[in-house]
Amino acid sequence: MRSSNKVADGIFDGEKTMSIDVLPKTANIVVYANGQKLVKDGKIKLGIQEAERGIIFDGSATLPMG
């Protein structure tokens, strides 16, 4: 997560990488974080209060291919 107050400085407030196993291995992965759709090169904003309550990741829209 990048600080919205110091975007130009490249300061990260926190960073986390996670791996998710998907079956079948070929799928259109769709993930939402607190109702906001995540895209590969996009950004979403989540506030401090949301982070304190917890961030829910929802991958139920993921569909198998083929």
N, C-alpha and C. Protein backbone atom coordinates (compact mmCIF):
# COMPACT_ATOMS: atom_id res chain seq x y z
N MET A 1 0.85 -1.17 0.00
CA MET A 1 0.00 0.00 0.00
C MET A 1 0.89 1.23 0.00
N ARG A 2 0.54 2.18 -0.83
CA ARG A 2 1.31 3.40 -0.94
C ARG A 2 0.57 4.53 -0.23
N SER A 3 1.30 5.35 0.48
CA SER A 3 0.71 6.47 1.19
C SER A 3 0.09 7.46 0.21
N SER A 4 -1.16 7.82 0.42
CA SER A 4 -1.81 8.80 -0.45
C SER A 4 -1.30 10.21 -0.17
N ASN A 5 -0.65 10.40 0.96
CA ASN A 5 -0.11 11.72 1.30
C ASN A 5 1.25 11.98 0.67
N LYS A 6 1.97 10.92 0.32
CA LYS A 6 3.32 11.07 -0.22
C LYS A 6 3.51 10.17 -1.43
N VAL A 7 2.58 10.23 -2.38
CA VAL A 7 2.63 9.36 -3.56
C VAL A 7 3.92 9.58 -4.34
N ALA A 8 4.31 10.84 -4.51
CA ALA A 8 5.50 11.15 -5.31
C ALA A 8 6.79 10.67 -4.66
N ASP A 9 6.79 10.49 -3.33
CA ASP A 9 7.99 10.07 -2.64
C ASP A 9 8.22 8.57 -2.70
N GLY A 10 7.25 7.83 -3.17
CA GLY A 10 7.40 6.38 -3.28
C GLY A 10 7.42 5.68 -1.93
N ILE A 11 6.78 6.27 -0.93
CA ILE A 11 6.78 5.69 0.41
C ILE A 11 5.68 4.64 0.52
N PHE A 12 6.04 3.47 0.98
CA PHE A 12 5.07 2.42 1.20
C PHE A 12 4.76 2.33 2.69
N ASP A 13 3.48 2.37 3.01
CA ASP A 13 3.06 2.20 4.41
C ASP A 13 3.05 0.74 4.80
N GLY A 14 2.84 -0.13 3.84
CA GLY A 14 2.80 -1.57 4.11
C GLY A 14 2.82 -2.32 2.80
N GLU A 15 3.28 -3.53 2.84
CA GLU A 15 3.36 -4.34 1.63
C GLU A 15 3.11 -5.79 1.98
N LYS A 16 2.32 -6.47 1.15
CA LYS A 16 2.01 -7.88 1.40
C LYS A 16 1.79 -8.57 0.07
N THR A 17 2.38 -9.70 -0.10
CA THR A 17 2.19 -10.52 -1.29
C THR A 17 1.51 -11.81 -0.86
N MET A 18 0.50 -12.23 -1.65
CA MET A 18 -0.18 -13.48 -1.31
C MET A 18 -0.35 -14.31 -2.58
N SER A 19 -0.35 -15.60 -2.40
CA SER A 19 -0.59 -16.53 -3.50
C SER A 19 -1.94 -17.20 -3.29
N ILE A 20 -2.67 -17.34 -4.39
CA ILE A 20 -3.98 -17.98 -4.33
C ILE A 20 -4.00 -19.11 -5.34
N ASP A 21 -4.26 -20.33 -4.88
CA ASP A 21 -4.37 -21.47 -5.79
C ASP A 21 -5.76 -21.50 -6.39
N VAL A 22 -5.84 -21.66 -7.70
CA VAL A 22 -7.11 -21.67 -8.42
C VAL A 22 -7.23 -22.98 -9.18
N LEU A 23 -8.36 -23.62 -9.06
CA LEU A 23 -8.63 -24.84 -9.83
C LEU A 23 -9.88 -24.61 -10.67
N PRO A 24 -9.91 -24.92 -11.92
CA PRO A 24 -8.78 -25.43 -12.70
C PRO A 24 -7.71 -24.36 -12.86
N LYS A 25 -6.52 -24.79 -13.30
CA LYS A 25 -5.38 -23.89 -13.40
C LYS A 25 -5.62 -22.74 -14.38
N THR A 26 -6.50 -22.93 -15.35
CA THR A 26 -6.83 -21.88 -16.31
C THR A 26 -8.16 -21.27 -15.92
N ALA A 27 -8.13 -20.00 -15.55
CA ALA A 27 -9.35 -19.34 -15.09
C ALA A 27 -9.25 -17.84 -15.32
N ASN A 28 -10.39 -17.19 -15.48
CA ASN A 28 -10.48 -15.74 -15.47
C ASN A 28 -10.65 -15.33 -14.02
N ILE A 29 -9.58 -14.80 -13.43
CA ILE A 29 -9.61 -14.49 -12.01
C ILE A 29 -10.17 -13.08 -11.80
N VAL A 30 -11.18 -12.99 -10.98
CA VAL A 30 -11.80 -11.71 -10.63
C VAL A 30 -11.80 -11.62 -9.11
N VAL A 31 -11.15 -10.59 -8.58
CA VAL A 31 -11.06 -10.43 -7.13
C VAL A 31 -11.53 -9.03 -6.75
N TYR A 32 -12.31 -8.96 -5.70
CA TYR A 32 -12.78 -7.69 -5.15
C TYR A 32 -12.19 -7.51 -3.76
N ALA A 33 -11.79 -6.29 -3.42
CA ALA A 33 -11.35 -5.94 -2.07
C ALA A 33 -12.36 -4.95 -1.51
N ASN A 34 -13.10 -5.39 -0.51
CA ASN A 34 -14.17 -4.57 0.08
C ASN A 34 -15.10 -4.01 -0.99
N GLY A 35 -15.44 -4.84 -1.96
CA GLY A 35 -16.40 -4.45 -2.99
C GLY A 35 -15.82 -3.71 -4.18
N GLN A 36 -14.53 -3.41 -4.17
CA GLN A 36 -13.90 -2.72 -5.30
C GLN A 36 -13.09 -3.72 -6.11
N LYS A 37 -13.36 -3.77 -7.42
CA LYS A 37 -12.70 -4.75 -8.29
C LYS A 37 -11.22 -4.42 -8.44
N LEU A 38 -10.38 -5.43 -8.24
CA LEU A 38 -8.94 -5.28 -8.42
C LEU A 38 -8.58 -5.58 -9.86
N VAL A 39 -7.76 -4.75 -10.46
CA VAL A 39 -7.24 -4.99 -11.80
C VAL A 39 -5.73 -4.97 -11.74
N LYS A 40 -5.08 -5.65 -12.67
CA LYS A 40 -3.64 -5.87 -12.61
C LYS A 40 -2.84 -4.58 -12.42
N ASP A 41 -3.09 -3.59 -13.23
CA ASP A 41 -2.30 -2.36 -13.16
C ASP A 41 -3.10 -1.18 -12.61
N GLY A 42 -4.20 -1.46 -11.93
CA GLY A 42 -5.04 -0.40 -11.40
C GLY A 42 -4.79 -0.16 -9.92
N LYS A 43 -5.38 0.89 -9.40
CA LYS A 43 -5.26 1.23 -7.99
C LYS A 43 -6.64 1.38 -7.39
N ILE A 44 -6.77 1.01 -6.13
CA ILE A 44 -7.99 1.30 -5.39
C ILE A 44 -7.59 1.99 -4.10
N LYS A 45 -8.50 2.74 -3.54
CA LYS A 45 -8.23 3.42 -2.28
C LYS A 45 -9.09 2.81 -1.18
N LEU A 46 -8.43 2.45 -0.10
CA LEU A 46 -9.11 1.96 1.09
C LEU A 46 -8.63 2.82 2.26
N GLY A 47 -9.56 3.29 3.07
CA GLY A 47 -9.23 4.18 4.16
C GLY A 47 -8.71 3.46 5.39
N ILE A 48 -8.22 4.26 6.32
CA ILE A 48 -7.67 3.71 7.57
C ILE A 48 -8.73 2.96 8.35
N GLN A 49 -9.95 3.51 8.39
CA GLN A 49 -11.01 2.83 9.14
C GLN A 49 -11.33 1.47 8.53
N GLU A 50 -11.33 1.38 7.18
CA GLU A 50 -11.57 0.08 6.53
C GLU A 50 -10.45 -0.90 6.88
N ALA A 51 -9.22 -0.42 6.86
CA ALA A 51 -8.08 -1.30 7.17
C ALA A 51 -8.15 -1.79 8.61
N GLU A 52 -8.57 -0.92 9.52
CA GLU A 52 -8.67 -1.32 10.92
C GLU A 52 -9.75 -2.38 11.12
N ARG A 53 -10.86 -2.26 10.37
CA ARG A 53 -11.94 -3.26 10.49
C ARG A 53 -11.59 -4.54 9.75
N GLY A 54 -10.71 -4.44 8.76
CA GLY A 54 -10.32 -5.60 7.98
C GLY A 54 -10.72 -5.45 6.53
N ILE A 55 -9.92 -6.02 5.65
CA ILE A 55 -10.18 -5.98 4.21
C ILE A 55 -10.58 -7.38 3.77
N ILE A 56 -11.72 -7.47 3.12
CA ILE A 56 -12.23 -8.76 2.67
C ILE A 56 -11.95 -8.91 1.18
N PHE A 57 -11.27 -10.00 0.81
CA PHE A 57 -11.02 -10.33 -0.58
C PHE A 57 -12.04 -11.37 -1.02
N ASP A 58 -12.72 -11.10 -2.13
CA ASP A 58 -13.78 -11.98 -2.63
C ASP A 58 -13.45 -12.39 -4.05
N GLY A 59 -13.22 -13.67 -4.25
CA GLY A 59 -12.91 -14.19 -5.58
C GLY A 59 -14.04 -15.03 -6.16
N SER A 60 -15.26 -14.85 -5.66
CA SER A 60 -16.37 -15.69 -6.11
C SER A 60 -16.77 -15.46 -7.56
N ALA A 61 -16.32 -14.34 -8.17
CA ALA A 61 -16.65 -14.08 -9.57
C ALA A 61 -15.68 -14.76 -10.52
N THR A 62 -14.67 -15.47 -10.02
CA THR A 62 -13.69 -16.17 -10.85
C THR A 62 -14.37 -17.31 -11.61
N LEU A 63 -14.08 -17.40 -12.91
CA LEU A 63 -14.71 -18.41 -13.76
C LEU A 63 -13.66 -19.27 -14.45
N PRO A 64 -13.86 -20.61 -14.51
CA PRO A 64 -12.93 -21.46 -15.24
C PRO A 64 -13.01 -21.21 -16.74
N MET A 65 -11.89 -21.41 -17.44
CA MET A 65 -11.86 -21.25 -18.89
C MET A 65 -11.86 -22.61 -19.56
N GLY A 66 -12.42 -22.67 -20.75
CA GLY A 66 -12.35 -23.89 -21.55
C GLY A 66 -13.37 -24.90 -21.27
